[in-house]
């Protein structure tokens, strides 16, 4: 969804955006965005006042289950485990 919006802003196709992004960054747009969101969410998880679904929302993921599954896939632990480890 964001990829399409960005491509439209630059008046290029999503495929061409993906090609340019991968050439410049060495990784695909979607992979980069997922990793960026998870890294950003690690900072928010240190604030114990925030619920996990609020952290997910703050990093642009409206589906908390998808966020938790992606977090675990990329870090090896779920958001709650990560929070407990950091505290």
C-alpha atoms as a PDB file:
ATOM      1  CA  UNK A   1       0.000   0.000   0.000  1.00  0.00           C
ATOM      2  CA  UNK A   2       2.701   2.507   0.964  1.00  0.00           C
ATOM      3  CA  UNK A   3       4.785   1.394  -1.986  1.00  0.00           C
ATOM      4  CA  UNK A   4       1.983   2.335  -4.369  1.00  0.00           C
ATOM      5  CA  UNK A   5       1.519   5.724  -2.704  1.00  0.00           C
ATOM      6  CA  UNK A   6       5.228   6.517  -2.913  1.00  0.00           C
ATOM      7  CA  UNK A   7       5.423   5.379  -6.530  1.00  0.00           C
ATOM      8  CA  UNK A   8       2.491   7.627  -7.415  1.00  0.00           C
ATOM      9  CA  UNK A   9       4.157  10.628  -5.761  1.00  0.00           C
ATOM     10  CA  UNK A  10       7.221  10.124  -7.969  1.00  0.00           C
ATOM     11  CA  UNK A  11       5.081   9.333 -11.033  1.00  0.00           C
ATOM     12  CA  UNK A  12       6.683   5.904 -11.515  1.00  0.00           C
ATOM     13  CA  UNK A  13       5.343   2.373 -11.355  1.00  0.00           C
ATOM     14  CA  UNK A  14       5.603   0.361  -8.122  1.00  0.00           C
ATOM     15  CA  UNK A  15       7.803  -2.158  -9.937  1.00  0.00           C
ATOM     16  CA  UNK A  16      10.239   0.529 -11.029  1.00  0.00           C
ATOM     17  CA  UNK A  17      10.266   1.947  -7.492  1.00  0.00           C
ATOM     18  CA  UNK A  18      11.133  -1.520  -6.186  1.00  0.00           C
ATOM     19  CA  UNK A  19      13.912  -1.850  -8.742  1.00  0.00           C
ATOM     20  CA  UNK A  20      15.408   1.559  -7.892  1.00  0.00           C
ATOM     21  CA  UNK A  21      15.072   0.965  -4.164  1.00  0.00           C
ATOM     22  CA  UNK A  22      16.790  -2.411  -4.324  1.00  0.00           C
ATOM     23  CA  UNK A  23      19.606  -1.002  -6.469  1.00  0.00           C
ATOM     24  CA  UNK A  24      20.205   1.812  -3.978  1.00  0.00           C
ATOM     25  CA  UNK A  25      19.532   0.091  -0.652  1.00  0.00           C
ATOM     26  CA  UNK A  26      20.450  -3.523  -1.409  1.00  0.00           C
ATOM     27  CA  UNK A  27      17.118  -4.816  -0.129  1.00  0.00           C
ATOM     28  CA  UNK A  28      13.515  -4.730  -1.259  1.00  0.00           C
ATOM     29  CA  UNK A  29      11.178  -1.923  -0.220  1.00  0.00           C
ATOM     30  CA  UNK A  30       8.809  -4.152   1.761  1.00  0.00           C
ATOM     31  CA  UNK A  31      11.664  -5.885   3.617  1.00  0.00           C
ATOM     32  CA  UNK A  32      13.238  -2.543   4.435  1.00  0.00           C
ATOM     33  CA  UNK A  33       9.945  -1.145   5.704  1.00  0.00           C
ATOM     34  CA  UNK A  34       9.262  -4.224   7.880  1.00  0.00           C
ATOM     35  CA  UNK A  35      12.740  -4.071   9.425  1.00  0.00           C
ATOM     36  CA  UNK A  36      12.485  -0.319   9.961  1.00  0.00           C
ATOM     37  CA  UNK A  37       9.138  -0.670  11.728  1.00  0.00           C
ATOM     38  CA  UNK A  38      10.404  -3.437  14.004  1.00  0.00           C
ATOM     39  CA  UNK A  39      13.540  -1.483  14.931  1.00  0.00           C
ATOM     40  CA  UNK A  40      11.449   1.617  15.667  1.00  0.00           C
ATOM     41  CA  UNK A  41       8.991  -0.423  17.715  1.00  0.00           C
ATOM     42  CA  UNK A  42      11.807  -1.700  19.937  1.00  0.00           C
ATOM     43  CA  UNK A  43      12.188   1.857  21.206  1.00  0.00           C
ATOM     44  CA  UNK A  44       8.472   2.165  21.922  1.00  0.00           C
ATOM     45  CA  UNK A  45       8.375  -1.206  23.716  1.00  0.00           C
ATOM     46  CA  UNK A  46      10.696   0.201  26.367  1.00  0.00           C
ATOM     47  CA  UNK A  47       7.820   2.444  27.474  1.00  0.00           C
ATOM     48  CA  UNK A  48       5.785   0.086  29.674  1.00  0.00           C
ATOM     49  CA  UNK A  49       2.807   2.449  29.579  1.00  0.00           C
ATOM     50  CA  UNK A  50       2.196   1.509  25.939  1.00  0.00           C
ATOM     51  CA  UNK A  51       0.230  -1.603  25.077  1.00  0.00           C
ATOM     52  CA  UNK A  52       1.632  -3.795  22.308  1.00  0.00           C
ATOM     53  CA  UNK A  53      -1.247  -2.873  19.983  1.00  0.00           C
ATOM     54  CA  UNK A  54      -0.457   0.819  20.588  1.00  0.00           C
ATOM     55  CA  UNK A  55       3.176   0.208  19.653  1.00  0.00           C
ATOM     56  CA  UNK A  56       2.026  -1.571  16.493  1.00  0.00           C
ATOM     57  CA  UNK A  57      -0.185   1.374  15.612  1.00  0.00           C
ATOM     58  CA  UNK A  58       2.601   3.895  16.218  1.00  0.00           C
ATOM     59  CA  UNK A  59       4.846   2.158  13.712  1.00  0.00           C
ATOM     60  CA  UNK A  60       2.123   1.994  11.076  1.00  0.00           C
ATOM     61  CA  UNK A  61       0.772  -1.531  11.541  1.00  0.00           C
ATOM     62  CA  UNK A  62      -2.942  -1.605  12.304  1.00  0.00           C
ATOM     63  CA  UNK A  63      -3.104  -5.380  12.818  1.00  0.00           C
ATOM     64  CA  UNK A  64      -1.498  -6.175  16.189  1.00  0.00           C
ATOM     65  CA  UNK A  65      -1.412  -9.929  15.486  1.00  0.00           C
ATOM     66  CA  UNK A  66       0.445  -9.394  12.222  1.00  0.00           C
ATOM     67  CA  UNK A  67       2.829  -7.038  14.034  1.00  0.00           C
ATOM     68  CA  UNK A  68       3.532  -9.587  16.791  1.00  0.00           C
ATOM     69  CA  UNK A  69       4.071 -12.368  14.252  1.00  0.00           C
ATOM     70  CA  UNK A  70       6.452 -10.190  12.206  1.00  0.00           C
ATOM     71  CA  UNK A  71       8.274  -9.066  15.348  1.00  0.00           C
ATOM     72  CA  UNK A  72       8.850 -12.675  16.381  1.00  0.00           C
ATOM     73  CA  UNK A  73       9.908 -13.663  12.870  1.00  0.00           C
ATOM     74  CA  UNK A  74      12.551 -10.927  12.768  1.00  0.00           C
ATOM     75  CA  UNK A  75      13.768 -10.973  16.389  1.00  0.00           C
ATOM     76  CA  UNK A  76      13.118 -14.515  17.588  1.00  0.00           C
ATOM     77  CA  UNK A  77      10.855 -13.354  20.415  1.00  0.00           C
ATOM     78  CA  UNK A  78       7.443 -11.790  20.685  1.00  0.00           C
ATOM     79  CA  UNK A  79       7.061  -8.117  21.704  1.00  0.00           C
ATOM     80  CA  UNK A  80       6.170  -8.989  25.302  1.00  0.00           C
ATOM     81  CA  UNK A  81       9.252 -11.209  25.674  1.00  0.00           C
ATOM     82  CA  UNK A  82      11.407  -8.457  24.188  1.00  0.00           C
ATOM     83  CA  UNK A  83       9.959  -5.917  26.611  1.00  0.00           C
ATOM     84  CA  UNK A  84      10.606  -8.192  29.594  1.00  0.00           C
ATOM     85  CA  UNK A  85      14.164  -8.838  28.428  1.00  0.00           C
ATOM     86  CA  UNK A  86      14.874  -5.101  28.129  1.00  0.00           C
ATOM     87  CA  UNK A  87      13.471  -4.288  31.559  1.00  0.00           C
END
